[in-house]
């Protein structure tokens, strides 16, 4: 991760972002399209990790995009558009996961059929497989542990920032991170694919 969430928060939005947000809030179709086009890749990535590859992840990403548009009037430029949108996306994904669990619809993911003919393709596809498998394991964590793990390890937020975002005491956040890491480590140790990949990474260092 190139920048921590703390650094993102300290950096105010540039004037053009404020103008884009203002235009989108006023209903400018081109501005709204430009905003979502810019953010959609990040939205999908966040939902993918938070939801652990759930079959409805794309629908939830679309829902997060809608909520970002509905909330754009609240954007004040105190952080970047990306950092502001991350919070809405995580909260949307966690809410939808909770609803899915209440419907007794367990989180599952299906393997992605992949083909490769060249060595560079194989390396790229292996990275996708590892990423997908890692997201699968994160999806097995308890919802509140998963939320903390994704916000901290994937998005780079500190315990204090997560506490503020989730309206949870910072010591509770730290406990969830510790418990989530312990569970995730145990899952990785039982997963041959990830163990093999991690082992090869250690040897190559």
C-alpha atoms as a PDB file:
ATOM      1  CA  UNK A   1       0.000   0.000   0.000  1.00  0.00           C
ATOM      2  CA  UNK A   2       1.580   3.222  -1.152  1.00  0.00           C
ATOM      3  CA  UNK A   3      -0.080   5.516   1.392  1.00  0.00           C
ATOM      4  CA  UNK A   4      -1.571   4.915   4.792  1.00  0.00           C
ATOM      5  CA  UNK A   5      -5.093   5.992   5.594  1.00  0.00           C
ATOM      6  CA  UNK A   6      -3.663   8.501   8.045  1.00  0.00           C
ATOM      7  CA  UNK A   7      -1.754  10.225   5.269  1.00  0.00           C
ATOM      8  CA  UNK A   8      -4.844  10.205   3.054  1.00  0.00           C
ATOM      9  CA  UNK A   9      -6.905  11.841   5.779  1.00  0.00           C
ATOM     10  CA  UNK A  10      -4.380  14.608   6.282  1.00  0.00           C
ATOM     11  CA  UNK A  11      -4.385  15.468   2.608  1.00  0.00           C
ATOM     12  CA  UNK A  12      -7.372  17.658   1.722  1.00  0.00           C
ATOM     13  CA  UNK A  13      -9.154  17.204  -1.562  1.00  0.00           C
ATOM     14  CA  UNK A  14      -7.908  19.336  -4.461  1.00  0.00           C
ATOM     15  CA  UNK A  15     -10.136  22.086  -5.795  1.00  0.00           C
ATOM     16  CA  UNK A  16     -11.143  20.054  -8.845  1.00  0.00           C
ATOM     17  CA  UNK A  17     -12.465  17.274  -6.599  1.00  0.00           C
ATOM     18  CA  UNK A  18     -14.567  19.742  -4.658  1.00  0.00           C
ATOM     19  CA  UNK A  19     -15.926  21.076  -7.928  1.00  0.00           C
ATOM     20  CA  UNK A  20     -16.670  17.563  -9.173  1.00  0.00           C
ATOM     21  CA  UNK A  21     -18.474  16.710  -5.945  1.00  0.00           C
ATOM     22  CA  UNK A  22     -20.457  19.965  -6.062  1.00  0.00           C
ATOM     23  CA  UNK A  23     -21.542  19.370  -9.641  1.00  0.00           C
ATOM     24  CA  UNK A  24     -22.503  15.765  -8.879  1.00  0.00           C
ATOM     25  CA  UNK A  25     -24.493  16.891  -5.836  1.00  0.00           C
ATOM     26  CA  UNK A  26     -26.392  19.336  -8.037  1.00  0.00           C
ATOM     27  CA  UNK A  27     -27.399  16.538 -10.390  1.00  0.00           C
ATOM     28  CA  UNK A  28     -24.948  17.114 -13.239  1.00  0.00           C
ATOM     29  CA  UNK A  29     -25.085  13.840 -15.179  1.00  0.00           C
ATOM     30  CA  UNK A  30     -21.570  14.077 -16.587  1.00  0.00           C
ATOM     31  CA  UNK A  31     -20.117  14.858 -13.178  1.00  0.00           C
ATOM     32  CA  UNK A  32     -21.937  11.946 -11.579  1.00  0.00           C
ATOM     33  CA  UNK A  33     -20.723   9.604 -14.314  1.00  0.00           C
ATOM     34  CA  UNK A  34     -17.131  10.870 -13.965  1.00  0.00           C
ATOM     35  CA  UNK A  35     -17.267  10.444 -10.198  1.00  0.00           C
ATOM     36  CA  UNK A  36     -18.447   6.835 -10.278  1.00  0.00           C
ATOM     37  CA  UNK A  37     -16.159   5.934 -13.168  1.00  0.00           C
ATOM     38  CA  UNK A  38     -13.231   7.160 -11.099  1.00  0.00           C
ATOM     39  CA  UNK A  39     -14.265   5.355  -7.915  1.00  0.00           C
ATOM     40  CA  UNK A  40     -15.860   2.141  -9.200  1.00  0.00           C
ATOM     41  CA  UNK A  41     -12.699   0.061  -9.385  1.00  0.00           C
ATOM     42  CA  UNK A  42     -11.861   0.874  -5.768  1.00  0.00           C
ATOM     43  CA  UNK A  43     -15.442   0.244  -4.694  1.00  0.00           C
ATOM     44  CA  UNK A  44     -15.434  -3.236  -6.272  1.00  0.00           C
ATOM     45  CA  UNK A  45     -12.071  -4.087  -4.721  1.00  0.00           C
ATOM     46  CA  UNK A  46     -13.202  -3.093  -1.236  1.00  0.00           C
ATOM     47  CA  UNK A  47     -16.503  -4.982  -1.481  1.00  0.00           C
ATOM     48  CA  UNK A  48     -14.672  -8.031  -2.827  1.00  0.00           C
ATOM     49  CA  UNK A  49     -12.472  -8.187   0.259  1.00  0.00           C
ATOM     50  CA  UNK A  50     -15.145  -7.301   2.804  1.00  0.00           C
ATOM     51  CA  UNK A  51     -17.675  -9.747   1.353  1.00  0.00           C
ATOM     52  CA  UNK A  52     -15.203 -12.575   0.841  1.00  0.00           C
ATOM     53  CA  UNK A  53     -16.241 -13.219  -2.756  1.00  0.00           C
ATOM     54  CA  UNK A  54     -19.984 -13.440  -2.059  1.00  0.00           C
ATOM     55  CA  UNK A  55     -22.115 -14.017  -5.153  1.00  0.00           C
ATOM     56  CA  UNK A  56     -23.908 -10.714  -4.535  1.00  0.00           C
ATOM     57  CA  UNK A  57     -20.698  -8.671  -4.223  1.00  0.00           C
ATOM     58  CA  UNK A  58     -21.224  -6.894  -7.542  1.00  0.00           C
ATOM     59  CA  UNK A  59     -24.756  -5.907  -6.535  1.00  0.00           C
ATOM     60  CA  UNK A  60     -23.394  -4.572  -3.263  1.00  0.00           C
ATOM     61  CA  UNK A  61     -20.730  -2.598  -5.104  1.00  0.00           C
ATOM     62  CA  UNK A  62     -23.463  -1.023  -7.221  1.00  0.00           C
ATOM     63  CA  UNK A  63     -25.412  -0.241  -4.058  1.00  0.00           C
ATOM     64  CA  UNK A  64     -22.332   1.407  -2.554  1.00  0.00           C
ATOM     65  CA  UNK A  65     -21.981   3.532  -5.689  1.00  0.00           C
ATOM     66  CA  UNK A  66     -25.599   4.640  -5.349  1.00  0.00           C
ATOM     67  CA  UNK A  67     -25.087   5.543  -1.699  1.00  0.00           C
ATOM     68  CA  UNK A  68     -21.982   7.529  -2.577  1.00  0.00           C
ATOM     69  CA  UNK A  69     -24.022   9.562  -5.042  1.00  0.00           C
ATOM     70  CA  UNK A  70     -26.793  10.030  -2.498  1.00  0.00           C
ATOM     71  CA  UNK A  71     -24.264  11.192   0.093  1.00  0.00           C
ATOM     72  CA  UNK A  72     -22.083  13.367  -2.128  1.00  0.00           C
ATOM     73  CA  UNK A  73     -23.636  16.533  -0.705  1.00  0.00           C
ATOM     74  CA  UNK A  74     -21.910  15.716   2.592  1.00  0.00           C
ATOM     75  CA  UNK A  75     -18.428  15.712   1.027  1.00  0.00           C
ATOM     76  CA  UNK A  76     -16.493  18.673   2.457  1.00  0.00           C
ATOM     77  CA  UNK A  77     -13.051  17.985   1.053  1.00  0.00           C
ATOM     78  CA  UNK A  78     -11.412  17.229   4.403  1.00  0.00           C
ATOM     79  CA  UNK A  79      -9.972  14.062   2.827  1.00  0.00           C
ATOM     80  CA  UNK A  80      -9.677  12.743  -0.700  1.00  0.00           C
ATOM     81  CA  UNK A  81     -12.748  11.532  -2.545  1.00  0.00           C
ATOM     82  CA  UNK A  82     -11.302   8.023  -2.420  1.00  0.00           C
ATOM     83  CA  UNK A  83     -10.875   8.002   1.363  1.00  0.00           C
ATOM     84  CA  UNK A  84     -14.353   9.470   1.853  1.00  0.00           C
ATOM     85  CA  UNK A  85     -15.911   6.892  -0.496  1.00  0.00           C
ATOM     86  CA  UNK A  86     -14.078   4.010   1.227  1.00  0.00           C
ATOM     87  CA  UNK A  87     -16.005   4.583   4.430  1.00  0.00           C
ATOM     88  CA  UNK A  88     -19.373   4.517   2.703  1.00  0.00           C
ATOM     89  CA  UNK A  89     -18.383   1.420   0.726  1.00  0.00           C
ATOM     90  CA  UNK A  90     -17.256  -0.544   3.790  1.00  0.00           C
ATOM     91  CA  UNK A  91     -20.390   0.352   5.732  1.00  0.00           C
ATOM     92  CA  UNK A  92     -22.615  -0.602   2.799  1.00  0.00           C
ATOM     93  CA  UNK A  93     -20.872  -3.952   2.356  1.00  0.00           C
ATOM     94  CA  UNK A  94     -21.042  -4.782   6.056  1.00  0.00           C
ATOM     95  CA  UNK A  95     -24.726  -3.881   6.200  1.00  0.00           C
ATOM     96  CA  UNK A  96     -25.540  -6.089   3.210  1.00  0.00           C
ATOM     97  CA  UNK A  97     -23.514  -8.978   4.644  1.00  0.00           C
ATOM     98  CA  UNK A  98     -25.494  -8.713   7.858  1.00  0.00           C
ATOM     99  CA  UNK A  99     -28.752  -8.791   5.897  1.00  0.00           C
ATOM    100  CA  UNK A 100     -27.550 -11.805   3.909  1.00  0.00           C
ATOM    101  CA  UNK A 101     -26.744 -13.683   7.101  1.00  0.00           C
ATOM    102  CA  UNK A 102     -30.178 -12.908   8.487  1.00  0.00           C
ATOM    103  CA  UNK A 103     -31.640 -14.487   5.359  1.00  0.00           C
ATOM    104  CA  UNK A 104     -29.590 -17.601   6.161  1.00  0.00           C
ATOM    105  CA  UNK A 105     -27.657 -17.048   2.969  1.00  0.00           C
ATOM    106  CA  UNK A 106     -24.094 -18.131   3.884  1.00  0.00           C
ATOM    107  CA  UNK A 107     -21.161 -16.337   2.352  1.00  0.00           C
ATOM    108  CA  UNK A 108     -19.727 -18.503  -0.380  1.00  0.00           C
ATOM    109  CA  UNK A 109     -17.533 -17.962  -3.350  1.00  0.00           C
ATOM    110  CA  UNK A 110     -17.076 -19.908  -6.552  1.00  0.00           C
ATOM    111  CA  UNK A 111     -13.739 -20.599  -8.200  1.00  0.00           C
ATOM    112  CA  UNK A 112     -12.980 -18.386 -11.173  1.00  0.00           C
ATOM    113  CA  UNK A 113     -12.223 -20.378 -14.349  1.00  0.00           C
ATOM    114  CA  UNK A 114      -8.831 -19.224 -15.546  1.00  0.00           C
ATOM    115  CA  UNK A 115      -6.715 -20.030 -18.575  1.00  0.00           C
ATOM    116  CA  UNK A 116      -3.164 -19.075 -19.414  1.00  0.00           C
ATOM    117  CA  UNK A 117      -0.775 -19.802 -22.271  1.00  0.00           C
ATOM    118  CA  UNK A 118       2.323 -17.773 -21.404  1.00  0.00           C
ATOM    119  CA  UNK A 119       4.552 -17.554 -18.346  1.00  0.00           C
ATOM    120  CA  UNK A 120       3.599 -13.946 -17.607  1.00  0.00           C
ATOM    121  CA  UNK A 121      -0.072 -14.899 -17.856  1.00  0.00           C
ATOM    122  CA  UNK A 122       0.506 -17.717 -15.405  1.00  0.00           C
ATOM    123  CA  UNK A 123       2.121 -15.347 -12.900  1.00  0.00           C
ATOM    124  CA  UNK A 124      -0.723 -12.870 -13.251  1.00  0.00           C
ATOM    125  CA  UNK A 125      -3.369 -15.552 -12.922  1.00  0.00           C
ATOM    126  CA  UNK A 126      -1.646 -17.062  -9.896  1.00  0.00           C
ATOM    127  CA  UNK A 127      -1.807 -13.651  -8.256  1.00  0.00           C
ATOM    128  CA  UNK A 128      -5.532 -13.538  -8.976  1.00  0.00           C
ATOM    129  CA  UNK A 129      -6.003 -17.019  -7.540  1.00  0.00           C
ATOM    130  CA  UNK A 130      -4.094 -16.095  -4.400  1.00  0.00           C
ATOM    131  CA  UNK A 131      -6.044 -12.854  -4.051  1.00  0.00           C
ATOM    132  CA  UNK A 132      -9.332 -14.688  -4.492  1.00  0.00           C
ATOM    133  CA  UNK A 133      -8.361 -17.368  -1.981  1.00  0.00           C
ATOM    134  CA  UNK A 134      -7.194 -14.803   0.556  1.00  0.00           C
ATOM    135  CA  UNK A 135     -10.519 -12.984   0.210  1.00  0.00           C
ATOM    136  CA  UNK A 136     -12.307 -16.310   0.706  1.00  0.00           C
ATOM    137  CA  UNK A 137     -10.496 -16.818   4.013  1.00  0.00           C
ATOM    138  CA  UNK A 138     -11.174 -13.267   5.161  1.00  0.00           C
ATOM    139  CA  UNK A 139     -14.821 -13.989   4.386  1.00  0.00           C
ATOM    140  CA  UNK A 140     -14.771 -16.799   6.964  1.00  0.00           C
ATOM    141  CA  UNK A 141     -13.964 -14.425   9.805  1.00  0.00           C
ATOM    142  CA  UNK A 142     -16.670 -13.145  12.126  1.00  0.00           C
ATOM    143  CA  UNK A 143     -18.258 -10.051  10.525  1.00  0.00           C
ATOM    144  CA  UNK A 144     -16.905  -7.544  13.057  1.00  0.00           C
ATOM    145  CA  UNK A 145     -13.456  -9.143  12.962  1.00  0.00           C
ATOM    146  CA  UNK A 146     -13.513  -9.093   9.166  1.00  0.00           C
ATOM    147  CA  UNK A 147     -14.517  -5.435   9.161  1.00  0.00           C
ATOM    148  CA  UNK A 148     -11.568  -4.531  11.388  1.00  0.00           C
ATOM    149  CA  UNK A 149      -9.114  -6.675   9.410  1.00  0.00           C
ATOM    150  CA  UNK A 150     -10.155  -5.219   6.047  1.00  0.00           C
ATOM    151  CA  UNK A 151     -10.097  -1.650   7.302  1.00  0.00           C
ATOM    152  CA  UNK A 152      -6.657  -2.123   8.883  1.00  0.00           C
ATOM    153  CA  UNK A 153      -4.752  -4.587   6.687  1.00  0.00           C
ATOM    154  CA  UNK A 154      -6.350  -3.893   3.304  1.00  0.00           C
ATOM    155  CA  UNK A 155      -7.230  -0.195   3.536  1.00  0.00           C
ATOM    156  CA  UNK A 156      -4.568   0.878   6.032  1.00  0.00           C
ATOM    157  CA  UNK A 157      -6.695   2.590   8.679  1.00  0.00           C
ATOM    158  CA  UNK A 158      -5.356   2.826  12.235  1.00  0.00           C
ATOM    159  CA  UNK A 159      -7.195   1.463  15.275  1.00  0.00           C
ATOM    160  CA  UNK A 160      -8.194   4.991  16.245  1.00  0.00           C
ATOM    161  CA  UNK A 161      -9.567   5.731  12.777  1.00  0.00           C
ATOM    162  CA  UNK A 162     -11.488   2.452  12.716  1.00  0.00           C
ATOM    163  CA  UNK A 163     -12.887   3.296  16.132  1.00  0.00           C
ATOM    164  CA  UNK A 164     -14.161   6.609  14.791  1.00  0.00           C
ATOM    165  CA  UNK A 165     -15.555   5.092  11.590  1.00  0.00           C
ATOM    166  CA  UNK A 166     -17.396   2.244  13.277  1.00  0.00           C
ATOM    167  CA  UNK A 167     -18.355   4.130  16.452  1.00  0.00           C
ATOM    168  CA  UNK A 168     -16.642   1.433  18.524  1.00  0.00           C
ATOM    169  CA  UNK A 169     -14.289   1.841  21.494  1.00  0.00           C
ATOM    170  CA  UNK A 170     -10.666   1.715  20.351  1.00  0.00           C
ATOM    171  CA  UNK A 171      -9.845  -1.150  22.743  1.00  0.00           C
ATOM    172  CA  UNK A 172     -12.677  -3.166  21.206  1.00  0.00           C
ATOM    173  CA  UNK A 173     -11.218  -2.490  17.764  1.00  0.00           C
ATOM    174  CA  UNK A 174      -7.804  -3.681  18.937  1.00  0.00           C
ATOM    175  CA  UNK A 175      -9.327  -6.839  20.360  1.00  0.00           C
ATOM    176  CA  UNK A 176     -11.126  -7.527  17.065  1.00  0.00           C
ATOM    177  CA  UNK A 177      -7.908  -7.009  15.134  1.00  0.00           C
ATOM    178  CA  UNK A 178      -6.015  -9.377  17.421  1.00  0.00           C
ATOM    179  CA  UNK A 179      -8.745 -12.031  17.288  1.00  0.00           C
ATOM    180  CA  UNK A 180      -9.182 -11.603  13.540  1.00  0.00           C
ATOM    181  CA  UNK A 181      -5.467 -11.956  12.872  1.00  0.00           C
ATOM    182  CA  UNK A 182      -5.268 -15.065  15.044  1.00  0.00           C
ATOM    183  CA  UNK A 183      -8.191 -16.686  13.224  1.00  0.00           C
ATOM    184  CA  UNK A 184      -6.872 -15.655   9.810  1.00  0.00           C
ATOM    185  CA  UNK A 185      -3.410 -17.043  10.620  1.00  0.00           C
ATOM    186  CA  UNK A 186      -4.971 -20.365  11.614  1.00  0.00           C
ATOM    187  CA  UNK A 187      -6.959 -20.493   8.373  1.00  0.00           C
ATOM    188  CA  UNK A 188      -3.862 -19.752   6.306  1.00  0.00           C
ATOM    189  CA  UNK A 189      -1.907 -22.492   8.084  1.00  0.00           C
ATOM    190  CA  UNK A 190      -4.616 -24.955   7.023  1.00  0.00           C
ATOM    191  CA  UNK A 191      -4.630 -23.803   3.398  1.00  0.00           C
ATOM    192  CA  UNK A 192      -2.083 -25.603   1.154  1.00  0.00           C
ATOM    193  CA  UNK A 193      -2.313 -23.012  -1.646  1.00  0.00           C
ATOM    194  CA  UNK A 194      -1.507 -20.031   0.545  1.00  0.00           C
ATOM    195  CA  UNK A 195       1.084 -21.888   2.595  1.00  0.00           C
ATOM    196  CA  UNK A 196       2.899 -22.918  -0.582  1.00  0.00           C
ATOM    197  CA  UNK A 197       2.731 -19.360  -1.952  1.00  0.00           C
ATOM    198  CA  UNK A 198       3.994 -17.822   1.290  1.00  0.00           C
ATOM    199  CA  UNK A 199       6.764 -20.409   1.474  1.00  0.00           C
ATOM    200  CA  UNK A 200       7.929 -19.582  -2.044  1.00  0.00           C
ATOM    201  CA  UNK A 201       7.889 -15.875  -1.234  1.00  0.00           C
ATOM    202  CA  UNK A 202      10.100 -16.444   1.825  1.00  0.00           C
ATOM    203  CA  UNK A 203      12.610 -18.475  -0.223  1.00  0.00           C
ATOM    204  CA  UNK A 204      12.769 -15.795  -2.923  1.00  0.00           C
ATOM    205  CA  UNK A 205      13.640 -13.008  -0.455  1.00  0.00           C
END
